[in-house]
Protein backbone atom coordinates (compact mmCIF):
# COMPACT_ATOMS: atom_id res chain seq x y z
CA LEU A 1 -73.63 22.05 22.84
CA ASN A 2 -72.01 22.30 19.50
CA GLU A 3 -69.69 19.38 20.55
CA GLU A 4 -71.05 16.06 19.90
CA SER A 5 -69.32 14.90 23.14
CA ASP A 6 -71.44 17.05 25.10
CA PHE A 7 -74.58 15.10 24.15
CA VAL A 8 -72.93 11.74 24.07
CA LYS A 9 -71.74 12.37 27.76
CA ARG A 10 -75.45 12.04 28.89
CA GLY A 11 -75.44 8.57 27.32
CA GLY A 12 -77.36 5.68 28.37
CA ARG A 13 -79.71 3.24 26.91
CA GLY A 14 -82.85 4.94 25.96
CA ASP A 15 -85.20 1.94 26.00
CA MET A 16 -84.02 1.27 29.55
CA THR A 17 -85.51 4.95 30.15
CA SER A 18 -85.31 5.93 33.67
CA THR A 19 -83.11 3.44 35.74
CA GLY A 20 -83.77 4.95 39.00
CA LEU A 21 -86.34 2.50 40.29
CA VAL A 22 -85.00 -0.90 40.45
CA GLY A 23 -84.80 -3.73 42.90
CA ASP A 24 -84.44 -2.41 46.63
CA ASP A 25 -85.78 1.17 45.77
CA VAL A 26 -89.10 -0.54 44.77
CA ASN A 27 -88.95 -2.58 48.15
CA HIS A 28 -88.44 0.28 49.98
CA MET A 29 -91.37 2.01 48.58
CA ALA A 30 -93.87 -0.86 48.78
CA GLY A 31 -94.56 -3.25 51.89
CA ASP A 32 -95.75 -6.76 51.36
CA GLY A 33 -99.48 -6.02 52.04
CA GLU A 34 -99.23 -3.17 49.18
CA VAL A 35 -97.43 -5.43 46.72
CA MET A 36 -100.10 -8.14 47.44
CA ARG A 37 -102.88 -5.66 46.65
CA MET A 38 -101.02 -4.66 43.49
CA ARG A 39 -100.74 -8.20 42.28
CA GLU A 40 -104.63 -8.73 42.90
CA PHE A 41 -105.35 -5.44 40.98
CA TRP A 42 -103.65 -6.71 37.90
CA SER A 43 -104.95 -10.08 38.23
CA GLN A 44 -108.75 -9.00 38.03
CA ALA A 45 -108.69 -9.09 34.51
CA ARG A 46 -107.87 -11.75 31.63
CA CYS A 47 -105.46 -11.02 28.89
CA GLY A 48 -108.07 -11.92 26.27
CA ASP A 49 -110.65 -9.78 28.02
CA VAL A 50 -108.39 -6.69 27.80
CA LEU A 51 -107.53 -7.46 24.29
CA ASP A 52 -111.41 -7.69 23.38
CA VAL A 53 -111.89 -4.12 24.80
CA VAL A 54 -108.75 -2.87 23.04
CA GLU A 55 -109.67 -4.31 19.77
CA LEU A 56 -113.10 -2.60 19.76
CA VAL A 57 -111.52 0.72 20.88
CA ARG A 58 -109.13 0.58 18.05
CA GLY A 59 -111.13 -0.41 15.19
CA GLY A 60 -114.82 -0.93 16.03
CA GLU A 61 -114.92 -4.60 15.46
CA ARG A 62 -112.25 -7.41 15.74
CA SER A 63 -110.59 -8.34 12.46
CA GLU A 64 -111.02 -12.05 11.53
CA LYS A 65 -107.12 -12.45 11.62
CA PRO A 66 -104.56 -10.24 13.42
CA VAL A 67 -101.71 -8.99 10.92
CA THR A 68 -98.90 -11.09 10.58
CA ILE A 69 -95.78 -10.93 8.05
CA PRO A 70 -95.39 -14.16 5.96
CA SER A 71 -91.99 -15.73 6.11
CA GLY A 72 -91.20 -15.42 2.51
CA MET A 73 -91.61 -11.47 2.46
CA SER A 74 -88.52 -9.33 1.66
CA THR A 75 -87.66 -7.10 4.55
CA PHE A 76 -88.64 -4.00 2.42
CA GLU A 77 -92.26 -5.62 1.87
CA ALA A 78 -92.34 -6.22 5.76
CA CYS A 79 -91.46 -2.89 6.50
CA SER A 80 -94.06 -1.70 4.31
CA VAL A 81 -96.68 -3.81 6.13
CA LEU A 82 -95.66 -2.18 9.47
CA ALA A 83 -95.87 1.29 7.79
CA LYS A 84 -99.34 0.69 6.46
CA HIS A 85 -100.95 -0.67 9.81
CA GLY A 86 -98.83 1.89 12.17
CA PHE A 87 -97.06 -0.85 13.81
CA HIS A 88 -93.42 -0.99 15.32
CA SER A 89 -93.26 -4.92 14.92
CA ALA A 90 -95.03 -8.05 14.04
CA LEU A 91 -95.06 -11.64 14.25
CA VAL A 92 -93.49 -13.78 11.25
CA GLU A 93 -95.66 -16.54 10.48
CA ASP A 94 -94.64 -19.59 8.53
CA GLU A 95 -96.08 -19.30 5.09
CA ASN A 96 -96.10 -23.06 4.67
CA GLU A 97 -97.44 -23.93 8.00
CA PRO A 98 -100.23 -21.25 9.03
CA GLY A 99 -100.45 -20.81 12.90
CA LYS A 100 -96.49 -21.49 13.47
CA PHE A 101 -94.67 -18.32 14.42
CA LEU A 102 -91.15 -18.14 13.80
CA GLY A 103 -90.02 -14.62 15.44
CA VAL A 104 -90.67 -11.00 15.62
CA PHE A 105 -89.72 -8.53 12.76
CA SER A 106 -88.98 -4.91 14.00
CA TYR A 107 -88.86 -1.39 12.32
CA ARG A 108 -85.31 -1.23 13.56
CA THR A 109 -84.28 -3.22 10.57
CA LEU A 110 -85.34 -0.13 8.61
CA VAL A 111 -83.14 2.15 10.81
CA ASP A 112 -80.21 -0.05 10.10
CA PHE A 113 -80.96 0.12 6.27
CA VAL A 114 -81.42 3.88 6.26
CA VAL A 115 -78.21 4.69 8.21
CA ARG A 116 -76.05 2.14 6.12
CA GLU A 117 -77.25 3.21 2.77
CA PHE A 118 -77.71 6.81 3.51
CA GLY A 119 -75.39 7.85 6.33
CA GLU A 120 -72.27 9.02 4.34
CA LEU A 121 -74.25 11.03 1.78
CA GLU A 122 -74.32 14.72 2.33
CA HIS A 123 -77.33 15.24 0.01
CA PRO A 124 -80.37 13.06 -1.01
CA PRO A 125 -79.79 11.11 -4.02
CA SER A 126 -81.22 13.26 -7.16
CA SER A 127 -83.15 10.41 -8.98
CA ALA A 128 -84.29 7.78 -6.66
CA THR A 129 -86.98 7.31 -3.85
CA LEU A 130 -86.65 5.59 -0.74
CA SER A 131 -88.85 2.88 -2.21
CA VAL A 132 -86.78 2.15 -5.15
CA LEU A 133 -83.61 2.27 -3.35
CA ALA A 134 -84.94 0.00 -0.53
CA LYS A 135 -86.59 -2.55 -2.93
CA ALA A 136 -83.26 -2.59 -4.93
CA GLN A 137 -81.27 -3.37 -1.78
CA HIS A 138 -83.70 -5.69 -0.02
CA ALA A 139 -85.31 -7.32 -2.93
CA ASP A 140 -83.31 -10.65 -2.19
CA ARG A 141 -83.22 -10.31 1.69
CA LYS A 142 -85.97 -12.24 3.17
CA VAL A 143 -87.66 -11.27 6.30
CA ILE A 144 -86.67 -14.64 7.98
CA ASP A 145 -83.15 -13.50 8.03
CA ALA A 146 -83.85 -10.44 9.98
CA ILE A 147 -86.08 -11.58 12.84
CA ASN A 148 -85.77 -11.93 16.52
CA PRO A 149 -86.60 -15.61 17.14
CA HIS A 150 -87.77 -15.01 20.74
CA ILE A 151 -91.49 -14.36 21.12
CA GLU A 152 -93.20 -13.21 24.32
CA THR A 153 -96.68 -14.80 24.56
CA VAL A 154 -99.53 -15.25 27.13
CA GLU A 155 -102.66 -17.27 26.83
CA PRO A 156 -105.72 -15.35 26.38
CA ASP A 157 -107.22 -16.84 29.84
CA ALA A 158 -104.01 -15.85 31.54
CA GLU A 159 -104.28 -12.90 34.21
CA LEU A 160 -103.29 -9.61 33.17
CA TRP A 161 -100.65 -9.97 35.90
CA GLU A 162 -98.61 -12.54 33.74
CA ALA A 163 -98.53 -9.66 30.87
CA ILE A 164 -97.48 -7.22 33.35
CA LEU A 165 -94.34 -9.21 34.53
CA ILE A 166 -93.11 -8.97 30.88
CA PHE A 167 -94.01 -5.48 30.30
CA ARG A 168 -92.02 -4.44 33.54
CA ARG A 169 -88.80 -5.99 32.19
CA GLY A 170 -89.02 -3.29 29.11
CA ILE A 171 -90.85 -5.42 26.79
CA HIS A 172 -93.33 -3.26 24.87
CA ARG A 173 -95.55 -5.83 23.33
CA VAL A 174 -96.75 -9.70 24.16
CA SER A 175 -98.68 -11.89 21.64
CA VAL A 176 -101.84 -13.54 23.06
CA ILE A 177 -101.90 -16.76 21.63
CA ARG A 178 -104.13 -19.90 22.37
CA LYS A 179 -101.34 -22.47 21.99
CA ASP A 180 -101.75 -25.75 20.21
CA HIS A 181 -98.44 -27.17 21.32
CA ARG A 182 -98.02 -29.09 17.91
CA GLU A 183 -94.28 -29.00 18.29
CA PRO A 184 -92.12 -28.91 21.31
CA GLY A 185 -90.10 -25.58 21.46
CA VAL A 186 -92.17 -23.95 18.74
CA VAL A 187 -94.77 -21.16 19.18
CA SER A 188 -97.84 -22.14 17.54
CA GLY A 189 -101.67 -21.89 17.78
CA GLN A 190 -104.43 -19.40 17.39
CA LEU A 191 -103.14 -15.69 17.47
CA CYS A 192 -105.82 -13.72 19.22
CA GLY A 193 -103.99 -10.35 18.92
CA THR A 194 -101.20 -8.22 20.69
CA LEU A 195 -101.42 -6.58 24.05
CA THR A 196 -98.83 -3.66 24.51
CA GLN A 197 -97.60 -1.55 27.37
CA ARG A 198 -100.20 1.20 26.45
CA ASP A 199 -102.93 -1.20 26.74
CA ALA A 200 -101.85 -1.97 30.37
CA LEU A 201 -101.62 1.57 30.85
CA LYS A 202 -105.17 2.57 29.86
CA PHE A 203 -106.21 -0.27 32.11
CA LEU A 204 -104.50 1.45 35.06
CA ILE A 205 -105.94 4.95 34.08
CA ASP A 206 -109.45 3.32 33.69
CA HIS A 207 -108.95 2.23 37.15
CA PHE A 208 -106.98 4.87 38.98
CA ALA A 209 -109.32 5.04 41.78
CA ASP A 210 -108.82 1.39 43.07
CA PRO A 211 -107.39 1.40 46.62
CA ALA A 212 -104.53 -0.93 45.60
CA VAL A 213 -102.75 1.68 43.20
CA GLN A 214 -104.53 4.82 44.16
CA ASP A 215 -101.72 5.89 46.74
CA GLY A 216 -99.05 4.88 44.47
CA LEU A 217 -100.39 6.99 41.48
CA ALA A 218 -100.60 9.93 43.89
CA ARG A 219 -96.99 10.10 44.77
CA THR A 220 -94.82 12.15 42.63
CA LEU A 221 -91.96 10.96 40.43
CA THR A 222 -89.45 12.36 43.06
CA ASP A 223 -91.43 10.06 45.72
CA TRP A 224 -90.79 7.12 43.39
CA ASN A 225 -87.12 8.15 42.60
CA LEU A 226 -87.78 8.33 39.04
CA GLY A 227 -86.82 10.98 36.20
CA LEU A 228 -83.29 11.18 37.28
CA SER A 229 -81.03 9.25 34.35
CA ARG A 230 -78.56 10.15 31.73
CA VAL A 231 -80.32 11.29 28.50
CA ILE A 232 -79.12 10.67 25.01
CA ALA A 233 -80.32 13.63 23.08
CA VAL A 234 -79.45 15.49 19.66
CA PRO A 235 -79.08 19.42 18.76
CA GLU A 236 -81.86 20.82 16.56
CA HIS A 237 -79.38 21.50 13.69
CA TRP A 238 -78.47 18.07 13.45
CA LYS A 239 -79.84 16.32 10.34
CA THR A 240 -82.42 13.50 10.88
CA LEU A 241 -79.94 11.05 9.56
CA ARG A 242 -77.56 11.93 12.51
CA ALA A 243 -80.49 11.52 14.83
CA LEU A 244 -81.20 7.96 13.38
CA GLU A 245 -77.27 7.10 13.81
CA VAL A 246 -77.63 8.12 17.40
CA MET A 247 -80.86 6.01 17.65
CA ARG A 248 -79.18 2.88 16.20
CA MET A 249 -75.93 3.47 18.02
CA TYR A 250 -77.66 3.43 21.39
CA ASP A 251 -80.45 1.12 20.49
CA LEU A 252 -83.17 3.79 21.10
CA SER A 253 -86.77 4.26 19.91
CA SER A 254 -86.57 7.92 20.32
CA VAL A 255 -84.50 10.87 21.23
CA PRO A 256 -85.24 14.40 22.49
CA ILE A 257 -84.26 17.49 20.39
CA LEU A 258 -82.47 20.37 22.27
CA ASP A 259 -82.21 24.16 21.17
CA ILE A 260 -78.75 25.92 21.49
CA ASN A 261 -79.44 26.53 25.17
CA GLY A 262 -79.98 22.76 26.01
CA ARG A 263 -83.75 23.14 26.40
CA VAL A 264 -86.29 20.05 24.97
CA ILE A 265 -87.98 21.39 22.11
CA GLY A 266 -89.13 18.17 20.63
CA ASP A 267 -88.18 14.45 19.88
CA PHE A 268 -87.75 12.35 17.09
CA SER A 269 -89.02 8.60 17.33
CA LEU A 270 -89.50 5.30 15.16
CA THR A 271 -93.01 6.58 14.50
CA ASP A 272 -91.62 9.59 12.68
CA LEU A 273 -89.68 7.14 10.72
CA LYS A 274 -92.68 5.32 9.82
CA TYR A 275 -94.10 8.51 8.44
CA ILE A 276 -91.17 8.91 6.09
CA MET A 277 -91.42 5.32 5.07
CA LYS A 278 -95.08 5.63 4.28
CA LYS A 279 -94.60 9.08 2.29
CA GLU A 280 -91.32 8.19 0.80
CA ASP A 281 -90.06 11.58 1.39
CA LEU A 282 -86.49 11.15 1.16
CA ARG A 283 -85.63 14.93 1.86
CA LEU A 284 -86.69 14.76 5.30
CA PHE A 285 -83.33 12.56 6.18
CA TRP A 286 -81.24 15.60 5.15
CA VAL A 287 -83.22 18.37 6.99
CA PRO A 288 -82.47 19.48 10.70
CA SER A 289 -84.17 17.12 12.90
CA ARG A 290 -86.52 19.60 14.46
CA GLN A 291 -87.67 20.64 11.14
CA ALA A 292 -88.14 17.11 10.14
CA ALA A 293 -90.29 16.58 13.17
CA ILE A 294 -92.31 19.65 12.68
CA ALA A 295 -93.05 18.64 9.24
CA ILE A 296 -94.05 15.02 10.15
CA ARG A 297 -96.50 16.15 12.96
CA ASN A 298 -98.21 18.67 10.42
CA ASN A 299 -99.01 15.91 8.11
CA PHE A 300 -99.67 12.84 10.61
CA THR A 301 -103.44 12.65 10.25
CA TYR A 302 -103.07 9.30 8.44
CA LEU A 303 -100.96 7.79 11.09
CA LYS A 304 -102.88 5.72 13.86
CA ASP A 305 -100.15 6.29 16.33
CA HIS A 306 -100.66 9.88 16.14
CA GLN A 307 -104.38 10.35 16.44
CA GLY A 308 -105.27 12.88 18.90
CA LYS A 309 -101.61 14.06 19.42
CA ASP A 310 -100.91 17.65 19.49
CA PRO A 311 -98.69 18.51 16.36
CA TYR A 312 -96.03 20.82 18.27
CA PRO A 313 -94.79 21.04 20.92
CA PHE A 314 -94.64 17.78 22.64
CA PHE A 315 -95.45 17.37 26.37
CA PRO A 316 -92.55 16.99 28.86
CA ILE A 317 -93.01 16.54 32.66
CA GLN A 318 -91.27 17.65 35.90
CA ARG A 319 -90.32 15.42 38.78
CA ASP A 320 -92.70 17.03 41.34
CA ARG A 321 -95.59 15.91 39.04
CA THR A 322 -97.61 12.76 40.22
CA MET A 323 -97.38 9.32 38.63
CA LEU A 324 -100.92 9.62 37.80
CA LEU A 325 -100.38 12.85 35.57
CA ALA A 326 -97.47 11.09 33.81
CA ALA A 327 -99.73 8.16 33.21
CA GLN A 328 -102.30 10.28 31.79
CA ARG A 329 -100.04 12.35 29.67
CA MET A 330 -98.56 9.36 27.90
CA HIS A 331 -102.00 8.00 27.44
CA ALA A 332 -103.30 11.27 26.07
CA THR A 333 -100.41 11.66 23.49
CA HIS A 334 -99.87 8.10 22.55
CA ALA A 335 -96.19 8.18 24.10
CA SER A 336 -94.31 5.37 25.59
CA ARG A 337 -92.41 7.87 27.68
CA LEU A 338 -91.83 11.58 28.64
CA TRP A 339 -88.70 13.62 28.83
CA VAL A 340 -88.27 15.02 32.50
CA VAL A 341 -87.13 18.46 32.65
CA ASP A 342 -85.95 21.06 34.98
CA ALA A 343 -87.55 24.52 35.67
CA ASN A 344 -85.68 25.69 32.64
CA ASN A 345 -86.96 22.76 30.35
CA LYS A 346 -83.46 21.27 30.17
CA PRO A 347 -83.65 17.40 30.27
CA VAL A 348 -82.62 15.64 33.57
CA GLY A 349 -84.16 12.18 32.76
CA VAL A 350 -86.93 10.35 31.39
CA VAL A 351 -89.94 8.42 32.71
CA SER A 352 -91.56 5.45 30.88
CA ILE A 353 -94.37 3.12 30.90
CA THR A 354 -91.96 0.53 31.95
CA ASP A 355 -91.21 2.68 34.91
CA ILE A 356 -94.91 3.04 36.09
CA LEU A 357 -95.74 -0.60 35.48
CA HIS A 358 -92.50 -1.62 37.29
CA ALA A 359 -93.17 0.53 40.30
CA LEU A 360 -96.92 -0.74 40.61
CA SER A 361 -96.21 -4.55 40.33
CA SER A 362 -93.13 -4.86 42.16
CA SER A 363 -92.33 -7.49 44.82
């Protein structure tokens, strides 16, 4: 476990999470009649209706205008907006033409910056904060130069099924936009809000007794051929910066942290990076990843993404547990995935919201 290769040998794309449930495996689990019932289940609600419920739960009342990032912002300012609102990404809106959206800005830009600027340093800079350094490096870099121009959208009147077809591909967020089609090939119109995989998961849990999904949710992860996949992990003594380097290398949003015996004892994610960004506590990049995770979770009360989440330890799952339990555990802990462990708490795979939505929507 002291050799880097021991961890890299478990390699795979973390955002793809479990890869055991694809194509023919799903068809084997679900017959044509069952698939039709699944589609009817996801089609009973409209995206706009689900969004209305979600917004009320999140903040009491709908805000007049969902949060977007003006195209003239610097990348540092854009990261600050994401940190303030607890988002992983947001639409970039043309500052000269309101209602015209140019792409999506993601927090992964900050991962690139941190690794590039601090990765070679053995100790934190003595007389600078993350804010000062980031502003200096990103003052002239506009957010428009760091966006993904592809925007996943649905209309508010679209069936929830349409969003599910996007989520099951591994996309975590979809923009609900009433388009005005002002310009061919351009996304524009009234932004109603953002639907996430977690929102779809909550809808599923709220309707778990529906006959269309009840049987599928009662099956175990083993039944669904889930939870056996290669896992990228980091040892607990590695600095947070090294964990970020691994996340950047494999395009991951989180990595499990292992003790000296290879047991999962925690994880580090983009949400934790948002904490460091918010608090500007540069020292956390140079402390062991487990120590940083504990420190972050002991001070997460202002972060919306961590409301209701147990500080430590986190919650893994075993393959003999049901899909319903996995869904409920992810919902309760505000997680997008669970690390799957054996009887000794050693990682054997990962199960994600993508896996669950894929299983319960497949044709």
